[in-house]
Amino acid sequence: MTGRRMWQVVFMLGGFLAWAVQFTVIYGVTSTVCARGWADTTVLGAGIVPFTVAGTTLVAAVAAAAFLVHALRKHRRLQSADASVTDVFLIQGAVLISAFSIAAILWHGLPAFILPACS
């Protein structure tokens, strides 16, 4: 795989990477806080778990949205130019993966505001 193709694949999977980081941070912090008995700790007036989940969800959603916007712009440019089938596939994959990742990121962030932290 050439260097250019490798970066195209990494870009295509960017939304998944943002989702994976969010998932790891959310569950890592929640399990640590609950295991240590720190569930009542507050940060800036909010519980530590909802604060962490909200911050991580916001950062991950913005990152995935940035991948989505960039992929949509590239997709529009490729439609007007002669592009290889592989380039079109990778860009379309980036659009779909980024959109799916935004939905998954928001879905994983939602329970922190509905359920108690350590239940």
PDB file of N, CA and C in Angstrom:
ATOM      1  N   MET A   1       0.861  -1.171   0.000  1.00  0.00           N
ATOM      2  CA  MET A   1       0.000   0.000   0.000  1.00  0.00           C
ATOM      3  C   MET A   1       0.903   1.228   0.000  1.00  0.00           C
ATOM      4  N   THR A   2       0.622   2.119  -0.909  1.00  0.00           N
ATOM      5  CA  THR A   2       1.423   3.337  -0.989  1.00  0.00           C
ATOM      6  C   THR A   2       1.080   4.268   0.165  1.00  0.00           C
ATOM      7  N   GLY A   3       1.928   5.249   0.390  1.00  0.00           N
ATOM      8  CA  GLY A   3       1.694   6.208   1.472  1.00  0.00           C
ATOM      9  C   GLY A   3       0.399   6.966   1.291  1.00  0.00           C
ATOM     10  N   ARG A   4       0.069   7.323   0.047  1.00  0.00           N
ATOM     11  CA  ARG A   4      -1.164   8.068  -0.230  1.00  0.00           C
ATOM     12  C   ARG A   4      -2.389   7.222   0.104  1.00  0.00           C
ATOM     13  N   ARG A   5      -2.392   5.987  -0.312  1.00  0.00           N
ATOM     14  CA  ARG A   5      -3.526   5.100  -0.036  1.00  0.00           C
ATOM     15  C   ARG A   5      -3.675   4.850   1.458  1.00  0.00           C
ATOM     16  N   MET A   6      -2.551   4.714   2.153  1.00  0.00           N
ATOM     17  CA  MET A   6      -2.623   4.477   3.582  1.00  0.00           C
ATOM     18  C   MET A   6      -3.332   5.650   4.273  1.00  0.00           C
ATOM     19  N   TRP A   7      -2.980   6.879   3.906  1.00  0.00           N
ATOM     20  CA  TRP A   7      -3.610   8.048   4.520  1.00  0.00           C
ATOM     21  C   TRP A   7      -5.073   8.161   4.120  1.00  0.00           C
ATOM     22  N   GLN A   8      -5.425   7.725   2.903  1.00  0.00           N
ATOM     23  CA  GLN A   8      -6.827   7.723   2.501  1.00  0.00           C
ATOM     24  C   GLN A   8      -7.631   6.748   3.357  1.00  0.00           C
ATOM     25  N   VAL A   9      -7.066   5.601   3.650  1.00  0.00           N
ATOM     26  CA  VAL A   9      -7.753   4.614   4.485  1.00  0.00           C
ATOM     27  C   VAL A   9      -7.867   5.127   5.916  1.00  0.00           C
ATOM     28  N   VAL A  10      -6.808   5.736   6.435  1.00  0.00           N
ATOM     29  CA  VAL A  10      -6.864   6.315   7.786  1.00  0.00           C
ATOM     30  C   VAL A  10      -7.920   7.410   7.840  1.00  0.00           C
ATOM     31  N   PHE A  11      -7.979   8.250   6.804  1.00  0.00           N
ATOM     32  CA  PHE A  11      -8.997   9.297   6.739  1.00  0.00           C
ATOM     33  C   PHE A  11     -10.392   8.680   6.684  1.00  0.00           C
ATOM     34  N   MET A  12     -10.549   7.615   5.899  1.00  0.00           N
ATOM     35  CA  MET A  12     -11.843   6.962   5.788  1.00  0.00           C
ATOM     36  C   MET A  12     -12.302   6.430   7.144  1.00  0.00           C
ATOM     37  N   LEU A  13     -11.373   5.954   7.951  1.00  0.00           N
ATOM     38  CA  LEU A  13     -11.704   5.383   9.254  1.00  0.00           C
ATOM     39  C   LEU A  13     -11.654   6.408  10.383  1.00  0.00           C
ATOM     40  N   GLY A  14     -11.482   7.682  10.070  1.00  0.00           N
ATOM     41  CA  GLY A  14     -11.357   8.724  11.080  1.00  0.00           C
ATOM     42  C   GLY A  14     -12.543   8.810  12.028  1.00  0.00           C
ATOM     43  N   GLY A  15     -13.746   8.662  11.513  1.00  0.00           N
ATOM     44  CA  GLY A  15     -14.930   8.683  12.366  1.00  0.00           C
ATOM     45  C   GLY A  15     -14.929   7.530  13.355  1.00  0.00           C
ATOM     46  N   PHE A  16     -14.529   6.338  12.877  1.00  0.00           N
ATOM     47  CA  PHE A  16     -14.430   5.184  13.771  1.00  0.00           C
ATOM     48  C   PHE A  16     -13.380   5.410  14.854  1.00  0.00           C
ATOM     49  N   LEU A  17     -12.279   6.056  14.487  1.00  0.00           N
ATOM     50  CA  LEU A  17     -11.230   6.330  15.469  1.00  0.00           C
ATOM     51  C   LEU A  17     -11.738   7.286  16.548  1.00  0.00           C
ATOM     52  N   ALA A  18     -12.477   8.313  16.142  1.00  0.00           N
ATOM     53  CA  ALA A  18     -13.049   9.250  17.122  1.00  0.00           C
ATOM     54  C   ALA A  18     -14.022   8.512  18.041  1.00  0.00           C
ATOM     55  N   TRP A  19     -14.830   7.641  17.478  1.00  0.00           N
ATOM     56  CA  TRP A  19     -15.788   6.860  18.260  1.00  0.00           C
ATOM     57  C   TRP A  19     -15.057   5.930  19.232  1.00  0.00           C
ATOM     58  N   ALA A  20     -14.001   5.276  18.769  1.00  0.00           N
ATOM     59  CA  ALA A  20     -13.244   4.354  19.617  1.00  0.00           C
ATOM     60  C   ALA A  20     -12.601   5.077  20.796  1.00  0.00           C
ATOM     61  N   VAL A  21     -12.058   6.267  20.549  1.00  0.00           N
ATOM     62  CA  VAL A  21     -11.452   7.034  21.639  1.00  0.00           C
ATOM     63  C   VAL A  21     -12.525   7.451  22.636  1.00  0.00           C
ATOM     64  N   GLN A  22     -13.666   7.931  22.138  1.00  0.00           N
ATOM     65  CA  GLN A  22     -14.758   8.332  23.026  1.00  0.00           C
ATOM     66  C   GLN A  22     -15.229   7.146  23.861  1.00  0.00           C
ATOM     67  N   PHE A  23     -15.428   6.023  23.235  1.00  0.00           N
ATOM     68  CA  PHE A  23     -15.895   4.815  23.918  1.00  0.00           C
ATOM     69  C   PHE A  23     -14.922   4.409  25.019  1.00  0.00           C
ATOM     70  N   THR A  24     -13.630   4.417  24.715  1.00  0.00           N
ATOM     71  CA  THR A  24     -12.602   4.029  25.673  1.00  0.00           C
ATOM     72  C   THR A  24     -12.558   4.987  26.860  1.00  0.00           C
ATOM     73  N   VAL A  25     -12.590   6.278  26.586  1.00  0.00           N
ATOM     74  CA  VAL A  25     -12.523   7.269  27.670  1.00  0.00           C
ATOM     75  C   VAL A  25     -13.768   7.197  28.544  1.00  0.00           C
ATOM     76  N   ILE A  26     -14.938   7.145  27.919  1.00  0.00           N
ATOM     77  CA  ILE A  26     -16.180   7.114  28.695  1.00  0.00           C
ATOM     78  C   ILE A  26     -16.202   5.908  29.643  1.00  0.00           C
ATOM     79  N   TYR A  27     -15.971   4.736  29.108  1.00  0.00           N
ATOM     80  CA  TYR A  27     -16.069   3.544  29.943  1.00  0.00           C
ATOM     81  C   TYR A  27     -14.879   3.394  30.881  1.00  0.00           C
ATOM     82  N   GLY A  28     -13.720   3.867  30.493  1.00  0.00           N
ATOM     83  CA  GLY A  28     -12.569   3.838  31.384  1.00  0.00           C
ATOM     84  C   GLY A  28     -12.762   4.738  32.592  1.00  0.00           C
ATOM     85  N   VAL A  29     -13.221   5.967  32.350  1.00  0.00           N
ATOM     86  CA  VAL A  29     -13.454   6.904  33.456  1.00  0.00           C
ATOM     87  C   VAL A  29     -14.600   6.423  34.333  1.00  0.00           C
ATOM     88  N   THR A  30     -15.686   5.990  33.716  1.00  0.00           N
ATOM     89  CA  THR A  30     -16.840   5.537  34.499  1.00  0.00           C
ATOM     90  C   THR A  30     -16.477   4.342  35.375  1.00  0.00           C
ATOM     91  N   SER A  31     -15.789   3.372  34.835  1.00  0.00           N
ATOM     92  CA  SER A  31     -15.441   2.198  35.646  1.00  0.00           C
ATOM     93  C   SER A  31     -14.455   2.558  36.748  1.00  0.00           C
ATOM     94  N   THR A  32     -13.529   3.446  36.470  1.00  0.00           N
ATOM     95  CA  THR A  32     -12.574   3.857  37.500  1.00  0.00           C
ATOM     96  C   THR A  32     -13.267   4.637  38.612  1.00  0.00           C
ATOM     97  N   VAL A  33     -14.117   5.585  38.223  1.00  0.00           N
ATOM     98  CA  VAL A  33     -14.842   6.398  39.209  1.00  0.00           C
ATOM     99  C   VAL A  33     -15.723   5.508  40.082  1.00  0.00           C
ATOM    100  N   CYS A  34     -16.427   4.595  39.484  1.00  0.00           N
ATOM    101  CA  CYS A  34     -17.326   3.721  40.255  1.00  0.00           C
ATOM    102  C   CYS A  34     -16.548   2.754  41.133  1.00  0.00           C
ATOM    103  N   ALA A  35     -15.447   2.217  40.640  1.00  0.00           N
ATOM    104  CA  ALA A  35     -14.662   1.274  41.433  1.00  0.00           C
ATOM    105  C   ALA A  35     -13.988   1.960  42.622  1.00  0.00           C
ATOM    106  N   ARG A  36     -13.614   3.207  42.460  1.00  0.00           N
ATOM    107  CA  ARG A  36     -12.939   3.946  43.535  1.00  0.00           C
ATOM    108  C   ARG A  36     -13.906   4.631  44.495  1.00  0.00           C
ATOM    109  N   GLY A  37     -15.185   4.633  44.171  1.00  0.00           N
ATOM    110  CA  GLY A  37     -16.168   5.276  45.034  1.00  0.00           C
ATOM    111  C   GLY A  37     -16.200   6.791  44.910  1.00  0.00           C
ATOM    112  N   TRP A  38     -15.834   7.285  43.757  1.00  0.00           N
ATOM    113  CA  TRP A  38     -15.790   8.727  43.516  1.00  0.00           C
ATOM    114  C   TRP A  38     -17.022   9.242  42.779  1.00  0.00           C
ATOM    115  N   ALA A  39     -18.103   8.518  42.797  1.00  0.00           N
ATOM    116  CA  ALA A  39     -19.286   8.882  42.005  1.00  0.00           C
ATOM    117  C   ALA A  39     -19.883  10.219  42.409  1.00  0.00           C
ATOM    118  N   ASP A  40     -19.674  10.645  43.657  1.00  0.00           N
ATOM    119  CA  ASP A  40     -20.235  11.915  44.120  1.00  0.00           C
ATOM    120  C   ASP A  40     -19.318  13.105  43.858  1.00  0.00           C
ATOM    121  N   THR A  41     -18.154  12.882  43.276  1.00  0.00           N
ATOM    122  CA  THR A  41     -17.219  13.959  42.965  1.00  0.00           C
ATOM    123  C   THR A  41     -17.813  14.856  41.881  1.00  0.00           C
ATOM    124  N   THR A  42     -17.630  16.166  42.044  1.00  0.00           N
ATOM    125  CA  THR A  42     -18.145  17.109  41.049  1.00  0.00           C
ATOM    126  C   THR A  42     -17.005  17.887  40.397  1.00  0.00           C
ATOM    127  N   VAL A  43     -17.236  18.283  39.178  1.00  0.00           N
ATOM    128  CA  VAL A  43     -16.319  19.123  38.421  1.00  0.00           C
ATOM    129  C   VAL A  43     -17.144  20.253  37.830  1.00  0.00           C
ATOM    130  N   LEU A  44     -16.827  21.477  38.203  1.00  0.00           N
ATOM    131  CA  LEU A  44     -17.557  22.653  37.728  1.00  0.00           C
ATOM    132  C   LEU A  44     -19.061  22.531  37.991  1.00  0.00           C
ATOM    133  N   GLY A  45     -19.421  21.958  39.113  1.00  0.00           N
ATOM    134  CA  GLY A  45     -20.823  21.845  39.507  1.00  0.00           C
ATOM    135  C   GLY A  45     -21.567  20.656  38.936  1.00  0.00           C
ATOM    136  N   ALA A  46     -20.914  19.858  38.128  1.00  0.00           N
ATOM    137  CA  ALA A  46     -21.560  18.669  37.552  1.00  0.00           C
ATOM    138  C   ALA A  46     -20.839  17.434  38.063  1.00  0.00           C
ATOM    139  N   GLY A  47     -21.540  16.324  38.071  1.00  0.00           N
ATOM    140  CA  GLY A  47     -20.908  15.067  38.456  1.00  0.00           C
ATOM    141  C   GLY A  47     -19.761  14.743  37.527  1.00  0.00           C
ATOM    142  N   ILE A  48     -18.755  14.062  38.043  1.00  0.00           N
ATOM    143  CA  ILE A  48     -17.558  13.786  37.245  1.00  0.00           C
ATOM    144  C   ILE A  48     -17.867  12.907  36.026  1.00  0.00           C
ATOM    145  N   VAL A  49     -18.770  11.950  36.177  1.00  0.00           N
ATOM    146  CA  VAL A  49     -19.087  11.080  35.038  1.00  0.00           C
ATOM    147  C   VAL A  49     -19.850  11.841  33.957  1.00  0.00           C
ATOM    148  N   PRO A  50     -20.958  12.546  34.267  1.00  0.00           N
ATOM    149  CA  PRO A  50     -21.627  13.306  33.205  1.00  0.00           C
ATOM    150  C   PRO A  50     -20.724  14.379  32.578  1.00  0.00           C
ATOM    151  N   PHE A  51     -19.869  14.994  33.394  1.00  0.00           N
ATOM    152  CA  PHE A  51     -18.948  16.004  32.876  1.00  0.00           C
ATOM    153  C   PHE A  51     -17.975  15.391  31.870  1.00  0.00           C
ATOM    154  N   THR A  52     -17.404  14.254  32.235  1.00  0.00           N
ATOM    155  CA  THR A  52     -16.456  13.574  31.349  1.00  0.00           C
ATOM    156  C   THR A  52     -17.144  13.078  30.082  1.00  0.00           C
ATOM    157  N   VAL A  53     -18.320  12.508  30.250  1.00  0.00           N
ATOM    158  CA  VAL A  53     -19.047  11.988  29.091  1.00  0.00           C
ATOM    159  C   VAL A  53     -19.434  13.131  28.144  1.00  0.00           C
ATOM    160  N   ALA A  54     -19.924  14.228  28.695  1.00  0.00           N
ATOM    161  CA  ALA A  54     -20.318  15.365  27.856  1.00  0.00           C
ATOM    162  C   ALA A  54     -19.114  15.934  27.111  1.00  0.00           C
ATOM    163  N   GLY A  55     -18.013  16.114  27.811  1.00  0.00           N
ATOM    164  CA  GLY A  55     -16.817  16.661  27.168  1.00  0.00           C
ATOM    165  C   GLY A  55     -16.258  15.748  26.099  1.00  0.00           C
ATOM    166  N   THR A  56     -16.169  14.477  26.414  1.00  0.00           N
ATOM    167  CA  THR A  56     -15.641  13.507  25.464  1.00  0.00           C
ATOM    168  C   THR A  56     -16.564  13.357  24.263  1.00  0.00           C
ATOM    169  N   THR A  57     -17.856  13.351  24.512  1.00  0.00           N
ATOM    170  CA  THR A  57     -18.826  13.242  23.417  1.00  0.00           C
ATOM    171  C   THR A  57     -18.749  14.451  22.505  1.00  0.00           C
ATOM    172  N   LEU A  58     -18.630  15.620  23.087  1.00  0.00           N
ATOM    173  CA  LEU A  58     -18.524  16.844  22.283  1.00  0.00           C
ATOM    174  C   LEU A  58     -17.275  16.822  21.406  1.00  0.00           C
ATOM    175  N   VAL A  59     -16.148  16.488  21.984  1.00  0.00           N
ATOM    176  CA  VAL A  59     -14.896  16.457  21.224  1.00  0.00           C
ATOM    177  C   VAL A  59     -14.955  15.405  20.119  1.00  0.00           C
ATOM    178  N   ALA A  60     -15.450  14.220  20.443  1.00  0.00           N
ATOM    179  CA  ALA A  60     -15.518  13.150  19.444  1.00  0.00           C
ATOM    180  C   ALA A  60     -16.506  13.480  18.330  1.00  0.00           C
ATOM    181  N   ALA A  61     -17.647  14.081  18.690  1.00  0.00           N
ATOM    182  CA  ALA A  61     -18.635  14.447  17.663  1.00  0.00           C
ATOM    183  C   ALA A  61     -18.089  15.533  16.740  1.00  0.00           C
ATOM    184  N   VAL A  62     -17.372  16.489  17.296  1.00  0.00           N
ATOM    185  CA  VAL A  62     -16.773  17.544  16.465  1.00  0.00           C
ATOM    186  C   VAL A  62     -15.715  16.948  15.537  1.00  0.00           C
ATOM    187  N   ALA A  63     -14.909  16.027  16.054  1.00  0.00           N
ATOM    188  CA  ALA A  63     -13.891  15.390  15.213  1.00  0.00           C
ATOM    189  C   ALA A  63     -14.537  14.596  14.078  1.00  0.00           C
ATOM    190  N   ALA A  64     -15.544  13.805  14.395  1.00  0.00           N
ATOM    191  CA  ALA A  64     -16.224  13.022  13.353  1.00  0.00           C
ATOM    192  C   ALA A  64     -16.934  13.933  12.360  1.00  0.00           C
ATOM    193  N   ALA A  65     -17.499  15.032  12.844  1.00  0.00           N
ATOM    194  CA  ALA A  65     -18.152  15.990  11.942  1.00  0.00           C
ATOM    195  C   ALA A  65     -17.134  16.654  11.019  1.00  0.00           C
ATOM    196  N   ALA A  66     -15.943  16.925  11.536  1.00  0.00           N
ATOM    197  CA  ALA A  66     -14.893  17.501  10.693  1.00  0.00           C
ATOM    198  C   ALA A  66     -14.494  16.518   9.590  1.00  0.00           C
ATOM    199  N   PHE A  67     -14.380  15.230   9.937  1.00  0.00           N
ATOM    200  CA  PHE A  67     -14.105  14.218   8.916  1.00  0.00           C
ATOM    201  C   PHE A  67     -15.232  14.174   7.892  1.00  0.00           C
ATOM    202  N   LEU A  68     -16.473  14.262   8.356  1.00  0.00           N
ATOM    203  CA  LEU A  68     -17.628  14.217   7.456  1.00  0.00           C
ATOM    204  C   LEU A  68     -17.631  15.404   6.505  1.00  0.00           C
ATOM    205  N   VAL A  69     -17.426  16.594   7.017  1.00  0.00           N
ATOM    206  CA  VAL A  69     -17.425  17.800   6.171  1.00  0.00           C
ATOM    207  C   VAL A  69     -16.310  17.721   5.144  1.00  0.00           C
ATOM    208  N   HIS A  70     -15.134  17.317   5.580  1.00  0.00           N
ATOM    209  CA  HIS A  70     -14.013  17.203   4.650  1.00  0.00           C
ATOM    210  C   HIS A  70     -14.293  16.144   3.579  1.00  0.00           C
ATOM    211  N   ALA A  71     -14.866  15.027   3.978  1.00  0.00           N
ATOM    212  CA  ALA A  71     -15.181  13.969   3.017  1.00  0.00           C
ATOM    213  C   ALA A  71     -16.245  14.425   2.028  1.00  0.00           C
ATOM    214  N   LEU A  72     -17.243  15.159   2.499  1.00  0.00           N
ATOM    215  CA  LEU A  72     -18.276  15.672   1.577  1.00  0.00           C
ATOM    216  C   LEU A  72     -17.680  16.649   0.568  1.00  0.00           C
ATOM    217  N   ARG A  73     -16.781  17.493   1.020  1.00  0.00           N
ATOM    218  CA  ARG A  73     -16.125  18.431   0.092  1.00  0.00           C
ATOM    219  C   ARG A  73     -15.304  17.682  -0.947  1.00  0.00           C
ATOM    220  N   LYS A  74     -14.554  16.668  -0.504  1.00  0.00           N
ATOM    221  CA  LYS A  74     -13.771  15.870  -1.448  1.00  0.00           C
ATOM    222  C   LYS A  74     -14.682  15.118  -2.418  1.00  0.00           C
ATOM    223  N   HIS A  75     -15.803  14.638  -1.918  1.00  0.00           N
ATOM    224  CA  HIS A  75     -16.739  13.902  -2.774  1.00  0.00           C
ATOM    225  C   HIS A  75     -17.284  14.808  -3.872  1.00  0.00           C
ATOM    226  N   ARG A  76     -17.613  16.031  -3.524  1.00  0.00           N
ATOM    227  CA  ARG A  76     -18.109  16.978  -4.546  1.00  0.00           C
ATOM    228  C   ARG A  76     -17.040  17.267  -5.584  1.00  0.00           C
ATOM    229  N   ARG A  77     -15.791  17.411  -5.145  1.00  0.00           N
ATOM    230  CA  ARG A  77     -14.697  17.668  -6.088  1.00  0.00           C
ATOM    231  C   ARG A  77     -14.458  16.472  -6.997  1.00  0.00           C
ATOM    232  N   LEU A  78     -14.574  15.267  -6.459  1.00  0.00           N
ATOM    233  CA  LEU A  78     -14.335  14.076  -7.268  1.00  0.00           C
ATOM    234  C   LEU A  78     -15.419  13.861  -8.310  1.00  0.00           C
ATOM    235  N   GLN A  79     -16.632  14.332  -8.052  1.00  0.00           N
ATOM    236  CA  GLN A  79     -17.711  14.170  -9.025  1.00  0.00           C
ATOM    237  C   GLN A  79     -17.461  15.001 -10.280  1.00  0.00           C
ATOM    238  N   SER A  80     -16.795  16.139 -10.122  1.00  0.00           N
ATOM    239  CA  SER A  80     -16.556  17.001 -11.272  1.00  0.00           C
ATOM    240  C   SER A  80     -15.254  16.659 -11.990  1.00  0.00           C
ATOM    241  N   ALA A  81     -14.442  15.788 -11.427  1.00  0.00           N
ATOM    242  CA  ALA A  81     -13.163  15.427 -12.032  1.00  0.00           C
ATOM    243  C   ALA A  81     -13.144  13.935 -12.368  1.00  0.00           C
ATOM    244  N   ASP A  82     -12.186  13.577 -13.187  1.00  0.00           N
ATOM    245  CA  ASP A  82     -11.991  12.157 -13.467  1.00  0.00           C
ATOM    246  C   ASP A  82     -11.216  11.551 -12.307  1.00  0.00           C
ATOM    247  N   ALA A  83     -11.873  10.706 -11.567  1.00  0.00           N
ATOM    248  CA  ALA A  83     -11.248  10.083 -10.397  1.00  0.00           C
ATOM    249  C   ALA A  83     -11.296   8.575 -10.557  1.00  0.00           C
ATOM    250  N   SER A  84     -10.357   7.916  -9.934  1.00  0.00           N
ATOM    251  CA  SER A  84     -10.340   6.455 -10.000  1.00  0.00           C
ATOM    252  C   SER A  84     -11.480   5.897  -9.151  1.00  0.00           C
ATOM    253  N   VAL A  85     -11.852   4.692  -9.458  1.00  0.00           N
ATOM    254  CA  VAL A  85     -12.918   4.018  -8.725  1.00  0.00           C
ATOM    255  C   VAL A  85     -12.520   3.850  -7.259  1.00  0.00           C
ATOM    256  N   THR A  86     -11.256   3.594  -7.022  1.00  0.00           N
ATOM    257  CA  THR A  86     -10.776   3.425  -5.654  1.00  0.00           C
ATOM    258  C   THR A  86     -10.906   4.715  -4.861  1.00  0.00           C
ATOM    259  N   ASP A  87     -10.536   5.839  -5.468  1.00  0.00           N
ATOM    260  CA  ASP A  87     -10.661   7.132  -4.774  1.00  0.00           C
ATOM    261  C   ASP A  87     -12.111   7.434  -4.431  1.00  0.00           C
ATOM    262  N   VAL A  88     -13.010   7.181  -5.363  1.00  0.00           N
ATOM    263  CA  VAL A  88     -14.434   7.422  -5.126  1.00  0.00           C
ATOM    264  C   VAL A  88     -14.936   6.514  -4.004  1.00  0.00           C
ATOM    265  N   PHE A  89     -14.554   5.252  -4.035  1.00  0.00           N
ATOM    266  CA  PHE A  89     -14.966   4.316  -2.987  1.00  0.00           C
ATOM    267  C   PHE A  89     -14.492   4.777  -1.612  1.00  0.00           C
ATOM    268  N   LEU A  90     -13.231   5.180  -1.510  1.00  0.00           N
ATOM    269  CA  LEU A  90     -12.684   5.598  -0.225  1.00  0.00           C
ATOM    270  C   LEU A  90     -13.378   6.854   0.303  1.00  0.00           C
ATOM    271  N   ILE A  91     -13.694   7.767  -0.566  1.00  0.00           N
ATOM    272  CA  ILE A  91     -14.377   8.993  -0.130  1.00  0.00           C
ATOM    273  C   ILE A  91     -15.819   8.686   0.267  1.00  0.00           C
ATOM    274  N   GLN A  92     -16.516   7.883  -0.519  1.00  0.00           N
ATOM    275  CA  GLN A  92     -17.877   7.509  -0.145  1.00  0.00           C
ATOM    276  C   GLN A  92     -17.887   6.724   1.162  1.00  0.00           C
ATOM    277  N   GLY A  93     -16.897   5.867   1.353  1.00  0.00           N
ATOM    278  CA  GLY A  93     -16.775   5.153   2.618  1.00  0.00           C
ATOM    279  C   GLY A  93     -16.549   6.110   3.775  1.00  0.00           C
ATOM    280  N   ALA A  94     -15.731   7.134   3.559  1.00  0.00           N
ATOM    281  CA  ALA A  94     -15.475   8.128   4.603  1.00  0.00           C
ATOM    282  C   ALA A  94     -16.749   8.876   4.974  1.00  0.00           C
ATOM    283  N   VAL A  95     -17.567   9.200   3.982  1.00  0.00           N
ATOM    284  CA  VAL A  95     -18.833   9.895   4.256  1.00  0.00           C
ATOM    285  C   VAL A  95     -19.746   9.003   5.102  1.00  0.00           C
ATOM    286  N   LEU A  96     -19.925   7.769   4.680  1.00  0.00           N
ATOM    287  CA  LEU A  96     -20.815   6.859   5.406  1.00  0.00           C
ATOM    288  C   LEU A  96     -20.300   6.548   6.810  1.00  0.00           C
ATOM    289  N   ILE A  97     -19.016   6.276   6.929  1.00  0.00           N
ATOM    290  CA  ILE A  97     -18.450   5.939   8.235  1.00  0.00           C
ATOM    291  C   ILE A  97     -18.515   7.127   9.179  1.00  0.00           C
ATOM    292  N   SER A  98     -18.223   8.317   8.686  1.00  0.00           N
ATOM    293  CA  SER A  98     -18.275   9.505   9.546  1.00  0.00           C
ATOM    294  C   SER A  98     -19.697   9.783  10.018  1.00  0.00           C
ATOM    295  N   ALA A  99     -20.669   9.653   9.135  1.00  0.00           N
ATOM    296  CA  ALA A  99     -22.063   9.886   9.525  1.00  0.00           C
ATOM    297  C   ALA A  99     -22.515   8.840  10.543  1.00  0.00           C
ATOM    298  N   PHE A 100     -22.176   7.584  10.302  1.00  0.00           N
ATOM    299  CA  PHE A 100     -22.511   6.525  11.253  1.00  0.00           C
ATOM    300  C   PHE A 100     -21.837   6.778  12.598  1.00  0.00           C
ATOM    301  N   SER A 101     -20.597   7.207  12.567  1.00  0.00           N
ATOM    302  CA  SER A 101     -19.849   7.438  13.802  1.00  0.00           C
ATOM    303  C   SER A 101     -20.447   8.567  14.627  1.00  0.00           C
ATOM    304  N   ILE A 102     -20.939   9.606  13.977  1.00  0.00           N
ATOM    305  CA  ILE A 102     -21.587  10.704  14.712  1.00  0.00           C
ATOM    306  C   ILE A 102     -22.812  10.166  15.450  1.00  0.00           C
ATOM    307  N   ALA A 103     -23.602   9.351  14.768  1.00  0.00           N
ATOM    308  CA  ALA A 103     -24.781   8.764  15.418  1.00  0.00           C
ATOM    309  C   ALA A 103     -24.374   7.875  16.589  1.00  0.00           C
ATOM    310  N   ALA A 104     -23.348   7.069  16.418  1.00  0.00           N
ATOM    311  CA  ALA A 104     -22.890   6.178  17.496  1.00  0.00           C
ATOM    312  C   ALA A 104     -22.314   6.969  18.664  1.00  0.00           C
ATOM    313  N   ILE A 105     -21.591   8.031  18.382  1.00  0.00           N
ATOM    314  CA  ILE A 105     -21.013   8.868  19.436  1.00  0.00           C
ATOM    315  C   ILE A 105     -22.117   9.490  20.273  1.00  0.00           C
ATOM    316  N   LEU A 106     -23.117  10.033  19.615  1.00  0.00           N
ATOM    317  CA  LEU A 106     -24.230  10.638  20.356  1.00  0.00           C
ATOM    318  C   LEU A 106     -25.010   9.582  21.138  1.00  0.00           C
ATOM    319  N   TRP A 107     -25.170   8.412  20.568  1.00  0.00           N
ATOM    320  CA  TRP A 107     -25.883   7.320  21.230  1.00  0.00           C
ATOM    321  C   TRP A 107     -25.143   6.876  22.489  1.00  0.00           C
ATOM    322  N   HIS A 108     -23.822   6.834  22.447  1.00  0.00           N
ATOM    323  CA  HIS A 108     -23.049   6.430  23.621  1.00  0.00           C
ATOM    324  C   HIS A 108     -22.982   7.526  24.674  1.00  0.00           C
ATOM    325  N   GLY A 109     -23.153   8.762  24.288  1.00  0.00           N
ATOM    326  CA  GLY A 109     -23.116   9.847  25.261  1.00  0.00           C
ATOM    327  C   GLY A 109     -24.423  10.049  25.992  1.00  0.00           C
ATOM    328  N   LEU A 110     -25.508   9.626  25.399  1.00  0.00           N
ATOM    329  CA  LEU A 110     -26.839   9.857  25.954  1.00  0.00           C
ATOM    330  C   LEU A 110     -27.094   9.204  27.319  1.00  0.00           C
ATOM    331  N   PRO A 111     -26.716   7.963  27.577  1.00  0.00           N
ATOM    332  CA  PRO A 111     -27.046   7.332  28.862  1.00  0.00           C
ATOM    333  C   PRO A 111     -26.505   8.055  30.095  1.00  0.00           C
ATOM    334  N   ALA A 112     -25.427   8.789  29.956  1.00  0.00           N
ATOM    335  CA  ALA A 112     -24.857   9.493  31.114  1.00  0.00           C
ATOM    336  C   ALA A 112     -25.814  10.547  31.658  1.00  0.00           C
ATOM    337  N   PHE A 113     -26.730  10.994  30.844  1.00  0.00           N
ATOM    338  CA  PHE A 113     -27.675  12.019  31.273  1.00  0.00           C
ATOM    339  C   PHE A 113     -29.032  11.445  31.663  1.00  0.00           C
ATOM    340  N   ILE A 114     -29.194  10.139  31.471  1.00  0.00           N
ATOM    341  CA  ILE A 114     -30.458   9.482  31.788  1.00  0.00           C
ATOM    342  C   ILE A 114     -30.325   8.604  33.038  1.00  0.00           C
ATOM    343  N   LEU A 115     -29.205   7.906  33.152  1.00  0.00           N
ATOM    344  CA  LEU A 115     -29.010   6.939  34.229  1.00  0.00           C
ATOM    345  C   LEU A 115     -28.037   7.480  35.277  1.00  0.00           C
ATOM    346  N   PRO A 116     -28.153   7.007  36.513  1.00  0.00           N
ATOM    347  CA  PRO A 116     -27.150   7.377  37.519  1.00  0.00           C
ATOM    348  C   PRO A 116     -25.777   6.803  37.129  1.00  0.00           C
ATOM    349  N   ALA A 117     -24.735   7.447  37.610  1.00  0.00           N
ATOM    350  CA  ALA A 117     -23.380   7.097  37.182  1.00  0.00           C
ATOM    351  C   ALA A 117     -22.990   5.662  37.510  1.00  0.00           C
ATOM    352  N   CYS A 118     -23.239   5.221  38.690  1.00  0.00           N
ATOM    353  CA  CYS A 118     -22.747   3.891  39.106  1.00  0.00           C
ATOM    354  C   CYS A 118     -23.899   2.975  39.489  1.00  0.00           C
ATOM    355  N   SER A 119     -24.781   2.728  38.554  1.00  0.00           N
ATOM    356  CA  SER A 119     -25.911   1.847  38.865  1.00  0.00           C
ATOM    357  C   SER A 119     -25.788   0.538  38.132  1.00  0.00           C
TER     358      SER A 119
END
